[in-house]
Protein backbone atom coordinates (compact mmCIF):
# COMPACT_ATOMS: atom_id res chain seq x y z
CA MET A 1 106.75 94.61 106.12
CA ALA A 2 109.81 93.86 103.89
CA SER A 3 110.94 96.40 101.59
CA PRO A 4 110.66 95.79 97.80
CA ALA A 5 113.21 93.43 96.15
CA ALA A 6 116.36 95.19 94.48
CA GLY A 7 115.23 96.87 91.30
CA LEU A 8 111.33 96.23 91.87
CA LYS A 9 109.41 99.51 91.85
CA THR A 10 105.94 99.70 93.90
CA LEU A 11 103.43 102.24 93.68
CA ALA A 12 100.65 103.41 96.06
CA VAL A 13 98.00 105.92 95.09
CA ILE A 14 96.31 107.39 98.25
CA THR A 15 93.09 109.34 97.62
CA GLY A 16 92.13 112.29 100.10
CA ALA A 17 95.82 112.16 101.16
CA ASN A 18 96.03 116.02 101.99
CA SER A 19 94.35 115.50 105.49
CA GLY A 20 92.77 113.22 107.92
CA LEU A 21 92.82 109.43 107.45
CA GLY A 22 94.43 109.69 103.83
CA LEU A 23 97.20 111.84 105.24
CA HIS A 24 97.81 109.33 108.14
CA LEU A 25 97.96 106.31 105.77
CA ALA A 26 100.18 108.30 103.40
CA LYS A 27 102.66 108.69 106.26
CA ALA A 28 102.33 105.04 107.26
CA LEU A 29 102.91 103.60 103.91
CA TYR A 30 105.94 105.90 103.45
CA ARG A 31 107.33 105.04 106.80
CA SER A 32 106.95 101.35 105.98
CA GLY A 33 109.63 101.33 103.22
CA ARG A 34 107.44 99.02 101.11
CA PHE A 35 106.71 101.57 98.30
CA THR A 36 109.11 103.27 95.81
CA HIS A 37 106.73 105.82 94.82
CA LEU A 38 103.50 107.34 96.57
CA VAL A 39 101.02 109.49 94.78
CA LEU A 40 98.62 111.64 96.85
CA ALA A 41 95.57 111.95 94.94
CA CYS A 42 93.67 115.15 96.09
CA ARG A 43 91.26 117.65 94.89
CA SER A 44 93.48 120.53 95.47
CA THR A 45 97.09 120.36 94.23
CA GLU A 46 97.91 123.16 96.63
CA LYS A 47 96.63 121.40 99.63
CA GLY A 48 98.13 118.13 98.41
CA ALA A 49 101.63 119.78 98.06
CA LYS A 50 101.40 120.62 101.99
CA GLY A 51 100.62 116.84 102.40
CA VAL A 52 103.68 115.85 100.38
CA GLU A 53 105.70 118.02 102.72
CA GLU A 54 104.45 116.41 105.81
CA VAL A 55 104.88 112.94 104.43
CA LYS A 56 108.48 113.69 103.48
CA GLN A 57 109.12 114.68 107.04
CA GLN A 58 108.79 110.76 107.91
CA PRO A 59 112.10 108.58 107.91
CA HIS A 60 112.18 106.99 104.44
CA ALA A 61 113.28 107.94 100.81
CA ALA A 62 110.46 107.11 98.47
CA ASP A 63 109.36 109.47 95.59
CA VAL A 64 106.18 111.25 96.65
CA ASP A 65 104.11 113.77 94.42
CA VAL A 66 100.69 114.90 94.32
CA GLN A 67 98.26 114.59 91.47
CA CYS A 68 94.76 116.32 91.14
CA LEU A 69 91.83 113.97 91.38
CA GLN A 70 88.38 114.86 90.42
CA VAL A 71 86.05 112.03 91.56
CA GLY A 72 83.97 112.33 88.51
CA ARG A 73 87.01 112.04 86.29
CA LEU A 74 88.89 109.00 87.40
CA GLY A 75 90.09 107.98 83.99
CA GLY A 76 92.13 111.15 83.92
CA LEU A 77 94.13 110.23 86.85
CA CYS A 78 95.42 106.93 85.36
CA SER A 79 96.90 108.75 82.59
CA LYS A 80 98.96 110.99 84.88
CA ILE A 81 100.56 108.29 86.98
CA PRO A 82 104.01 107.08 85.50
CA PRO A 83 104.42 103.39 85.00
CA PRO A 84 106.56 101.84 87.83
């Protein structure tokens, strides 16, 4: 996949990214170089922080952070994600 055009910011939000399939997807997206910012949306910010550290071990340099996501409160997540 091609990396973003100069100056273009791209964002990916991955749910359940602290383990399993979500974590593998986060690592793959990070390695792809296609995104400038990844948000790992997890129920536990503590577990999500561990996922962030695992993702950052991959070769690339995107911004990665974790946001708490409670499935019953999806509107709350959108207000926390910074605009690209």
